[in-house]
Protein backbone atom coordinates (compact mmCIF):
# COMPACT_ATOMS: atom_id res chain seq x y z
CA MET A 1 -26.56 -64.59 24.79
CA SER A 2 -28.88 -65.44 27.55
CA THR A 3 -27.77 -67.47 30.54
CA ASN A 4 -31.12 -69.20 31.34
CA LEU A 5 -30.67 -72.04 28.91
CA LEU A 6 -33.35 -74.63 28.02
CA PRO A 7 -32.46 -78.24 27.70
CA ASN A 8 -32.91 -78.01 24.09
CA ASP A 9 -31.05 -74.58 23.72
CA LEU A 10 -27.50 -74.41 21.99
CA PRO A 11 -24.91 -73.36 24.28
CA ASN A 12 -23.54 -70.44 22.07
CA ALA A 13 -26.28 -69.28 20.21
CA GLY A 14 -29.02 -69.32 23.30
CA VAL A 15 -31.96 -70.79 21.00
CA PRO A 16 -33.29 -74.38 20.35
CA GLY A 17 -31.86 -75.89 17.57
CA PRO A 18 -32.13 -75.62 14.47
CA ILE A 19 -30.79 -71.89 14.29
CA PRO A 20 -33.88 -70.24 12.51
CA GLU A 21 -33.36 -68.23 9.14
CA ASP A 22 -33.98 -64.78 10.80
CA PHE A 23 -31.36 -65.27 13.49
CA ASP A 24 -29.25 -62.20 14.12
CA PHE A 25 -25.65 -63.15 13.88
CA ASP A 26 -24.27 -59.56 14.14
CA PRO A 27 -23.85 -59.42 17.97
CA PHE A 28 -21.88 -62.54 17.77
CA VAL A 29 -19.08 -61.15 15.34
CA SER A 30 -18.76 -57.70 16.94
CA PRO A 31 -15.77 -57.54 19.50
CA PRO A 32 -16.54 -56.10 22.79
CA ALA A 33 -15.19 -53.03 24.38
CA PHE A 34 -11.55 -52.80 25.44
CA LEU A 35 -10.69 -53.47 28.96
CA SER A 36 -8.37 -51.14 30.69
CA ARG A 37 -6.02 -53.09 32.81
CA PHE A 38 -3.09 -51.11 33.10
CA GLU A 39 -1.79 -52.71 36.27
CA LEU A 40 -0.68 -55.45 34.13
CA PRO A 41 2.53 -55.52 32.58
CA LEU A 42 2.53 -54.39 28.67
CA MET A 43 4.08 -57.86 27.91
CA ALA A 44 1.38 -59.75 29.72
CA ARG A 45 -1.39 -58.03 28.13
CA ILE A 46 -0.05 -58.23 24.68
CA ALA A 47 0.40 -62.18 25.22
CA ALA A 48 -3.19 -62.41 26.46
CA ASN A 49 -4.51 -60.57 23.56
CA TYR A 50 -2.71 -62.50 21.35
CA ALA A 51 -4.72 -65.28 22.47
CA THR A 52 -7.62 -63.90 22.71
CA GLU A 53 -7.52 -62.45 19.29
CA ALA A 54 -6.81 -66.04 18.03
CA ALA A 55 -9.80 -67.51 19.76
CA ASN A 56 -12.27 -64.43 18.64
CA ASN A 57 -11.15 -65.11 15.30
CA ALA A 58 -11.98 -68.54 15.23
CA SER A 59 -15.38 -67.96 16.87
CA ILE A 60 -15.96 -65.40 14.24
CA ALA A 61 -15.37 -67.75 11.51
CA GLN A 62 -17.61 -70.53 12.88
CA THR A 63 -20.40 -68.10 13.32
CA ILE A 64 -20.25 -66.89 9.86
CA ALA A 65 -19.89 -70.47 8.62
CA VAL A 66 -23.20 -71.01 10.44
CA LYS A 67 -24.67 -68.04 8.97
CA HIS A 68 -24.13 -69.11 5.37
CA THR A 69 -25.30 -72.77 5.99
CA PRO A 70 -28.56 -73.32 3.91
CA VAL A 71 -32.03 -73.48 5.85
CA PRO A 72 -32.88 -75.81 7.33
CA ARG A 73 -29.99 -76.02 9.40
CA PRO A 74 -28.92 -79.08 11.38
CA VAL A 75 -30.23 -79.33 14.77
CA ASP A 76 -26.96 -79.38 16.71
CA LEU A 77 -25.28 -76.54 14.51
CA ASP A 78 -24.21 -73.75 16.82
CA ILE A 79 -22.39 -70.60 16.21
CA GLY A 80 -18.86 -69.88 17.64
CA PRO A 81 -18.17 -69.33 21.49
CA PRO A 82 -18.95 -65.70 22.79
CA LEU A 83 -16.00 -63.15 22.11
CA LYS A 84 -13.80 -62.26 24.86
CA PRO A 85 -12.52 -58.41 25.15
CA LEU A 86 -8.97 -57.18 24.60
CA TYR A 87 -6.67 -55.27 26.66
CA SER A 88 -6.23 -51.75 25.99
CA TYR A 89 -2.96 -49.95 25.51
CA SER A 90 -2.12 -46.38 26.80
CA GLN A 91 -1.16 -43.85 24.12
CA SER A 92 2.38 -43.50 25.29
CA GLU A 93 2.69 -47.35 25.02
CA PHE A 94 1.34 -47.34 21.58
CA ASN A 95 3.86 -44.43 20.50
CA GLU A 96 6.70 -46.35 21.61
CA LEU A 97 5.69 -49.24 19.64
CA VAL A 98 5.40 -47.05 16.65
CA ALA A 99 8.76 -45.46 17.16
CA SER A 100 10.89 -48.71 17.84
CA GLU A 101 10.82 -51.80 16.03
CA GLN A 102 13.18 -53.33 18.38
CA VAL A 103 10.50 -52.96 21.18
CA CYS A 104 7.99 -54.72 18.92
CA GLN A 105 10.42 -57.77 18.39
CA SER A 106 11.13 -57.97 21.88
CA LEU A 107 7.19 -58.21 22.89
CA ALA A 108 6.30 -60.69 19.85
CA PRO A 109 4.28 -62.26 18.83
CA LEU A 110 2.12 -59.25 18.56
CA PRO A 111 -1.54 -59.30 18.18
CA VAL A 112 -2.58 -58.88 14.25
CA GLY A 113 -4.78 -55.80 15.17
CA LEU A 114 -2.01 -54.23 17.14
CA VAL A 115 0.53 -54.94 14.17
CA ARG A 116 -1.90 -53.19 11.61
CA ASN A 117 -2.47 -50.15 13.72
CA ILE A 118 1.39 -49.79 14.12
CA ALA A 119 1.74 -49.87 10.52
CA LYS A 120 -1.08 -47.54 9.88
CA GLU A 121 0.37 -44.78 12.26
CA ARG A 122 3.90 -45.50 10.82
CA ALA A 123 2.37 -44.86 7.33
CA ASN A 124 0.75 -41.60 8.46
CA LEU A 125 3.93 -40.39 10.06
CA LYS A 126 5.82 -40.69 7.02
CA ALA A 127 3.36 -39.18 4.88
CA ALA A 128 3.19 -36.31 6.82
CA ALA A 129 7.14 -36.05 6.95
CA ASP A 130 7.29 -36.39 3.45
CA SER A 131 4.38 -33.90 2.79
CA GLU A 132 6.06 -31.32 5.05
CA ARG A 133 9.79 -32.03 3.11
CA LEU A 134 7.87 -31.20 0.01
CA ALA A 135 6.49 -28.17 1.34
CA GLU A 136 9.93 -27.04 2.50
CA LYS A 137 11.41 -27.87 -1.10
CA ALA A 138 8.64 -25.96 -2.47
CA LYS A 139 9.38 -22.98 -0.25
CA GLU A 140 13.05 -23.15 -1.14
CA LYS A 141 12.40 -23.43 -4.87
CA GLU A 142 10.18 -20.48 -4.85
CA ALA A 143 12.67 -18.62 -3.01
CA SER A 144 15.03 -19.43 -5.47
CA SER A 145 12.59 -18.78 -8.48
CA VAL A 146 12.16 -15.36 -7.10
CA ARG A 147 15.59 -14.52 -6.41
CA ASN A 148 16.56 -15.93 -10.09
CA LYS A 149 13.73 -13.39 -11.25
CA LEU A 150 15.39 -10.53 -9.17
CA LEU A 151 18.96 -11.09 -10.28
CA GLY A 152 19.45 -8.78 -13.24
CA SER A 153 16.05 -7.57 -13.21
CA MET A 154 16.90 -3.67 -12.28
CA ARG A 155 17.67 -1.91 -15.56
CA LEU A 156 18.27 1.69 -16.01
CA THR A 157 15.17 3.27 -17.84
CA ASN A 158 15.85 6.71 -19.34
CA PRO A 159 19.45 7.15 -18.33
CA THR A 160 20.21 10.66 -17.94
CA PRO A 161 23.86 12.18 -17.71
CA ARG A 162 24.19 14.67 -14.71
CA VAL A 163 24.80 18.17 -15.98
CA MET A 164 26.08 20.94 -13.83
CA ALA A 165 23.36 23.78 -12.98
CA ARG A 166 20.62 21.38 -13.88
CA ALA A 167 18.06 20.25 -11.45
CA GLU A 168 16.84 16.58 -11.82
CA ALA A 169 13.59 16.02 -13.70
CA VAL A 170 10.67 15.07 -11.13
CA THR A 171 8.21 12.25 -12.08
CA ILE A 172 4.95 12.87 -10.64
CA PRO A 173 3.94 9.37 -8.96
CA SER A 174 1.05 7.50 -10.32
CA ILE A 175 -0.88 7.61 -6.94
CA TYR A 176 -0.67 11.71 -7.20
CA LEU A 177 -2.25 11.35 -10.33
CA LEU A 178 -5.01 8.85 -9.01
CA GLY A 179 -5.75 10.88 -6.40
CA LEU A 180 -6.25 14.08 -8.51
CA LYS A 181 -8.32 12.32 -10.91
CA ASN A 182 -10.51 10.72 -8.17
CA GLY A 183 -11.26 13.82 -5.70
CA ALA A 184 -8.43 12.98 -3.32
CA CYS A 185 -5.71 15.36 -4.31
CA PRO A 186 -2.81 15.46 -1.89
CA PRO A 187 -1.96 18.86 -0.34
CA LEU A 188 0.10 21.10 -1.90
CA ASN A 189 3.11 20.69 0.47
CA PHE A 190 2.98 17.02 -0.59
CA PHE A 191 4.38 18.47 -4.22
CA THR A 192 7.62 19.32 -3.27
CA ASN A 193 10.53 17.56 -4.63
CA GLU A 194 11.55 16.10 -1.27
CA ARG A 195 7.88 14.57 -0.52
CA ILE A 196 7.83 13.16 -4.40
CA GLU A 197 11.20 11.54 -3.61
CA ALA A 198 9.71 9.92 -0.64
CA VAL A 199 6.80 8.60 -2.17
CA THR A 200 8.71 7.43 -5.28
CA HIS A 201 11.56 5.65 -3.34
CA SER A 202 10.53 5.39 0.04
CA HIS A 203 7.51 3.19 -0.07
CA SER A 204 7.68 1.99 3.82
CA GLU A 205 7.22 5.71 4.67
CA VAL A 206 3.69 6.15 2.73
CA HIS A 207 0.48 5.01 3.81
CA THR A 208 -2.07 4.13 1.04
CA ARG A 209 -5.71 3.04 0.87
CA MET A 210 -7.67 0.80 -1.63
CA LEU A 211 -10.80 2.92 -2.35
CA ARG A 212 -13.33 3.09 -5.08
CA PRO A 213 -13.38 6.37 -7.39
CA PHE A 214 -15.20 8.88 -5.78
CA GLY A 215 -16.15 10.35 -9.13
CA ALA A 216 -17.28 7.01 -10.84
CA ASP A 217 -20.97 6.96 -12.12
CA GLU A 218 -21.27 3.38 -11.08
CA ALA A 219 -18.91 3.70 -7.73
CA LEU A 220 -20.24 0.54 -6.33
CA SER A 221 -19.20 -1.48 -9.31
CA ALA A 222 -15.99 0.28 -10.18
CA GLU A 223 -12.83 -1.30 -9.13
CA LYS A 224 -10.81 -0.03 -6.26
CA VAL A 225 -7.57 2.23 -6.85
CA GLN A 226 -4.73 2.84 -4.58
CA LEU A 227 -4.83 6.21 -3.02
CA LEU A 228 -2.89 8.00 -0.34
CA ASP A 229 -4.05 7.65 3.16
CA LEU A 230 -4.51 11.15 3.66
CA PRO A 231 -5.45 11.48 7.10
CA LYS A 232 -2.40 9.24 8.13
CA MET A 233 -0.09 11.17 5.85
CA ILE A 234 -1.22 14.63 6.75
CA SER A 235 -0.62 13.79 10.49
CA ILE A 236 2.95 12.74 9.45
CA TRP A 237 3.74 15.54 6.79
CA GLY A 238 1.35 18.31 7.88
CA SER A 239 -1.39 19.68 6.03
CA ASP A 240 -1.27 22.90 3.75
CA ASP A 241 -3.79 25.25 5.74
CA LYS A 242 -1.03 27.76 6.69
CA HIS A 243 1.59 29.62 4.78
CA THR A 244 4.29 28.35 7.17
CA CYS A 245 4.03 24.71 5.65
CA LEU A 246 6.06 26.06 2.77
CA THR A 247 8.72 28.60 2.28
CA PRO A 248 8.07 30.74 -0.71
CA MET A 249 11.02 28.81 -2.70
CA ARG A 250 9.05 25.51 -1.69
CA PHE A 251 5.93 26.86 -2.65
CA LYS A 252 7.10 27.66 -6.13
CA GLU A 253 8.70 24.36 -6.62
CA ALA A 254 5.53 22.59 -5.22
CA SER A 255 3.17 24.66 -7.45
CA LYS A 256 5.38 23.74 -10.68
CA ASN A 257 5.21 20.24 -9.85
CA PHE A 258 1.36 20.52 -9.35
CA LEU A 259 1.29 22.06 -12.66
CA GLU A 260 2.89 19.15 -14.12
CA ALA A 261 0.75 16.68 -12.53
CA SER A 262 -2.45 18.72 -13.67
CA THR A 263 -0.99 18.73 -17.20
CA LEU A 264 -0.50 15.04 -17.23
CA VAL A 265 -4.11 14.12 -16.12
CA SER A 266 -6.04 16.80 -18.30
CA GLU A 267 -7.35 16.42 -21.65
CA ALA A 268 -5.56 17.76 -24.61
CA PRO A 269 -5.80 20.98 -25.70
CA SER A 270 -8.55 21.55 -28.23
CA THR A 271 -10.09 24.40 -30.04
CA ALA A 272 -13.74 25.56 -30.09
CA GLU A 273 -16.10 26.21 -33.24
CA ASP A 274 -15.43 29.96 -32.88
CA GLY A 275 -11.61 29.44 -32.73
CA SER A 276 -11.10 30.13 -28.92
CA SER A 277 -9.31 27.60 -26.68
CA VAL A 278 -11.41 25.15 -24.87
CA PRO A 279 -10.55 25.74 -21.18
CA THR A 280 -8.86 22.43 -19.20
CA PHE A 281 -7.66 21.89 -15.77
CA ALA A 282 -3.93 22.30 -17.04
CA SER A 283 -4.82 25.58 -18.96
CA GLU A 284 -6.51 27.31 -16.21
CA TYR A 285 -3.86 26.31 -13.55
CA GLN A 286 -1.27 27.37 -15.83
CA LYS A 287 -2.96 30.92 -15.74
CA HIS A 288 -3.33 30.46 -11.95
CA PHE A 289 0.48 29.75 -11.53
CA ASP A 290 1.42 32.33 -13.92
CA PHE A 291 -0.35 35.18 -11.85
CA PHE A 292 1.19 34.54 -8.64
CA ASP A 293 4.52 33.85 -10.06
CA GLN A 294 4.61 37.34 -11.24
CA LEU A 295 3.71 39.00 -8.19
CA ARG A 296 5.93 42.11 -7.44
CA ASP A 297 7.39 41.60 -3.60
CA PHE A 298 6.29 38.03 -3.77
CA GLU A 299 8.30 36.74 -0.74
CA GLU A 300 6.97 39.92 1.39
CA THR A 301 3.52 39.24 0.32
CA TYR A 302 3.46 35.60 0.45
CA PRO A 303 1.96 34.93 3.87
CA PHE A 304 -0.89 37.72 3.06
CA TRP A 305 -2.55 36.05 -0.06
CA TYR A 306 -1.34 32.41 0.53
CA ARG A 307 -4.95 31.30 2.05
CA PHE A 308 -6.66 32.83 -1.05
CA LYS A 309 -4.21 31.45 -3.53
CA LEU A 310 -5.03 27.92 -1.81
CA ALA A 311 -8.88 28.35 -2.20
CA ALA A 312 -8.59 29.44 -5.72
CA ARG A 313 -6.55 26.29 -6.42
CA ARG A 314 -9.27 24.53 -5.03
CA ASP A 315 -11.81 26.54 -6.98
CA ILE A 316 -10.16 25.51 -10.49
CA LEU A 317 -10.38 21.68 -9.56
CA LYS A 318 -14.16 22.36 -8.92
CA GLY A 319 -14.17 23.76 -12.64
CA ILE A 320 -14.09 27.67 -11.82
CA LEU A 321 -12.38 29.56 -14.24
CA PHE A 322 -9.53 31.81 -13.72
CA ASP A 323 -10.05 35.48 -13.84
CA TRP A 324 -7.10 38.14 -13.79
CA ASP A 325 -9.29 41.06 -12.54
CA VAL A 326 -10.68 39.21 -9.55
CA TYR A 327 -7.33 37.72 -8.53
CA ALA A 328 -5.74 41.11 -8.85
CA LEU A 329 -8.29 42.58 -6.54
CA GLU A 330 -8.06 39.88 -4.08
CA VAL A 331 -4.49 39.92 -3.70
CA LYS A 332 -4.37 43.92 -3.56
CA MET A 333 -7.14 43.93 -0.67
CA LEU A 334 -5.39 41.11 1.16
CA SER A 335 -1.83 42.80 0.90
CA HIS A 336 -3.16 46.37 1.65
CA SER A 337 -5.19 45.19 4.64
CA ASN A 338 -1.87 43.33 5.98
CA LEU A 339 0.74 46.14 5.29
CA PRO A 340 1.98 48.20 8.16
CA GLN A 341 0.22 51.96 8.52
CA PRO A 342 2.47 54.89 8.65
CA LEU A 343 3.03 56.52 12.31
CA ALA A 344 1.23 60.06 11.41
CA SER A 345 -1.90 58.15 10.39
CA SER A 346 -4.58 57.92 12.99
CA ALA A 347 -5.97 54.66 14.44
CA LYS A 348 -9.56 55.77 13.42
CA ARG A 349 -8.90 56.64 9.81
CA PRO A 350 -9.74 53.72 7.79
CA ILE A 351 -7.52 52.34 5.17
CA GLU A 352 -8.13 54.00 1.79
CA VAL A 353 -8.71 50.89 -0.63
CA ASP A 354 -10.03 51.06 -4.08
CA ASN A 355 -13.25 49.43 -3.67
CA GLY A 356 -13.34 47.79 -7.15
CA LEU A 357 -15.67 44.72 -5.97
CA SER A 358 -18.52 46.40 -7.33
CA LYS A 359 -16.89 47.06 -10.92
CA PHE A 360 -15.37 43.90 -11.21
CA PRO A 361 -17.38 40.73 -9.63
CA ARG A 362 -15.96 37.52 -9.12
CA THR A 363 -17.70 36.02 -12.09
CA SER A 364 -15.99 38.57 -14.25
CA PHE A 365 -14.50 37.30 -17.39
CA ARG A 366 -12.44 40.28 -18.60
CA THR A 367 -9.76 39.95 -21.24
CA ASP A 368 -8.40 43.61 -21.16
CA VAL A 369 -6.45 43.63 -17.99
CA SER A 370 -3.77 46.13 -18.74
CA SER A 371 -4.95 48.79 -16.41
CA ARG A 372 -5.24 46.17 -13.39
CA ARG A 373 -1.71 45.09 -14.22
CA GLU A 374 -0.60 48.71 -14.06
CA GLU A 375 -2.44 49.38 -10.77
CA MET A 376 -1.15 46.37 -9.11
CA SER A 377 2.61 46.79 -10.39
CA ILE A 378 2.78 43.26 -11.37
CA PRO A 379 5.45 42.73 -13.61
CA THR A 380 5.51 40.37 -16.82
CA TYR A 381 8.57 38.47 -17.51
CA SER A 382 9.46 37.79 -21.12
CA ARG A 383 11.46 34.83 -22.72
CA ASP A 384 14.90 36.35 -22.14
CA GLY A 385 14.38 36.81 -18.27
CA THR A 386 13.97 40.41 -18.37
CA THR A 387 10.80 42.53 -16.81
CA ASN A 388 9.06 45.65 -17.70
CA SER A 389 9.24 47.06 -14.23
CA ARG A 390 12.14 48.43 -12.39
CA ASP A 391 10.71 47.71 -8.96
CA GLY A 392 11.24 43.97 -9.70
CA PRO A 393 13.62 41.50 -8.66
CA THR A 394 17.19 41.66 -9.49
CA CYS A 395 19.24 38.59 -10.26
CA LEU A 396 22.30 37.85 -8.29
CA LEU A 397 23.91 36.03 -11.19
CA CYS A 398 23.52 38.25 -13.90
CA GLY A 399 22.00 41.51 -12.77
CA ARG A 400 19.04 41.24 -14.75
CA GLY A 401 15.29 41.55 -13.71
CA HIS A 402 14.36 38.10 -12.26
CA PRO A 403 14.75 36.04 -9.38
CA PHE A 404 18.24 34.41 -9.28
CA ARG A 405 16.33 30.92 -9.19
CA ASP A 406 14.63 31.46 -12.04
CA HIS A 407 17.92 32.33 -14.09
CA PRO A 408 17.68 31.11 -17.55
CA ALA A 409 20.54 28.69 -18.43
CA THR A 410 20.97 30.36 -21.67
CA ILE A 411 22.35 33.57 -20.13
CA THR A 412 26.03 32.89 -19.66
CA SER A 413 27.41 36.64 -19.42
CA PHE A 414 26.60 40.25 -18.20
CA GLU A 415 24.80 42.95 -20.22
CA ASP A 416 28.58 44.20 -21.01
CA GLY A 417 29.37 40.94 -22.34
CA LYS A 418 31.73 39.82 -19.48
CA HIS A 419 31.48 36.22 -18.44
CA LEU A 420 29.19 35.29 -15.21
CA PHE A 421 31.53 34.54 -12.25
CA SER A 422 28.73 32.51 -10.26
CA ARG A 423 26.23 29.81 -11.53
CA LEU A 424 22.93 28.15 -10.14
CA SER A 425 23.08 24.43 -9.28
CA ASP A 426 20.49 22.81 -7.20
CA SER A 427 18.83 25.95 -6.10
CA HIS A 428 22.25 27.23 -4.79
CA ILE A 429 24.85 29.82 -6.20
CA TRP A 430 28.30 28.32 -6.70
CA SER A 431 31.48 30.00 -7.90
CA VAL A 432 32.31 29.28 -11.60
CA ASN A 433 35.86 29.01 -11.07
CA LYS A 434 38.13 27.42 -8.13
CA PHE A 435 37.68 29.53 -4.88
CA ARG A 436 40.05 29.02 -2.09
CA GLY A 437 40.82 25.32 -3.18
CA PRO A 438 40.91 23.10 -6.00
CA THR A 439 37.12 23.16 -6.55
CA PRO A 440 34.37 25.61 -6.92
CA ARG A 441 32.69 26.70 -3.60
CA ARG A 442 29.18 27.40 -2.58
CA LEU A 443 28.31 31.24 -2.11
CA CYS A 444 26.22 32.07 1.01
CA ILE A 445 23.56 34.70 -0.23
CA TYR A 446 21.57 34.96 3.13
CA TRP A 447 24.10 37.12 5.12
CA ASN A 448 24.30 39.61 1.94
CA LEU A 449 20.71 39.73 1.80
CA ALA A 450 20.02 40.35 5.33
CA ARG A 451 22.34 43.41 5.42
CA PRO A 452 20.32 46.81 5.26
């Protein structure tokens, strides 16, 4: 409102009467900014605001009444007096009023605007508390639901009774099968019973990654699968690059489990039109496994041919077929090159090795391998556990020609018909009857085997 009023100007509107039709009423109904006068006591500010609010409301009501008066308006009709500013409250003062109804009553009467703000803040706080309480109840309900689902949820699947001298069946983990299928096969030392047990039951010790299948035709659109995080797991369990990662016994154990895994993921056996069997990963690895399992002096020559065996296993995964002649020649050359030479031989004299490379190339697919078997002195085991070579192993349980760890469960007596006095359980030899106590005892074989 202008302070320089003319004689005919209305005191509140600041224009000569009557108030024109295009007069701007909005500035006269908008409250002015709050005044920060915190030096005044809260009670004084509340009382002043109560009176100011009443006067401002009356002024606004008068201005609105003039606004809605038909034109032409009376010459002496004026709008309401100018609006006065209200005193502001600090945040701590407002919080105190919100928190305590008793403080509000002691300072009453309160301005209507302040009462509405207090009620709004209290409603917001109540809604927040209710929401938090509902969230807590939902969490408790969810936890209770999860617990109820867990209670009674563990059931034995395929329960198997414990049988003396019989090893537990090993179940290949699905994550191993996925790795074998998708080109991320775990190292051979991961296939021991101990490692498989850890992957199956100790998930906190196993690191995995979600990766897209490597062999998918549309890898970018294929769904991700859970595979072992091989770099992390190899840093923990080690790789299979050296023969020291597995003892000969663990090597056979891991190889059998790998054979089981390859059988599970391989296609079913089928026959070609000419009647021959169609090769599969499982059939080729079975031949590969049988070859090394029948080697004479297996434990002594194991360090020599291990790396070739590892490379040959990878070749099978690449699709290279097994060939007895090639395997036999490779193992013979590796074994001869690593055997100690007689003292009488000269250091300059080369080792006499039958060079069969020109006769039997790596791509050979011979079927008549009897001459190579005789040259290699590789015994072939029959179903009853006997061998066709007198130089083969001798079972510590029954004296027949097979390693004691491969002792068939069907053989329970010596060749003369007498009952065995020892048995195999969990890859260890135990006495059949009580020995130096009320129960059978485990027999130590290492001291006996180490004797000259």
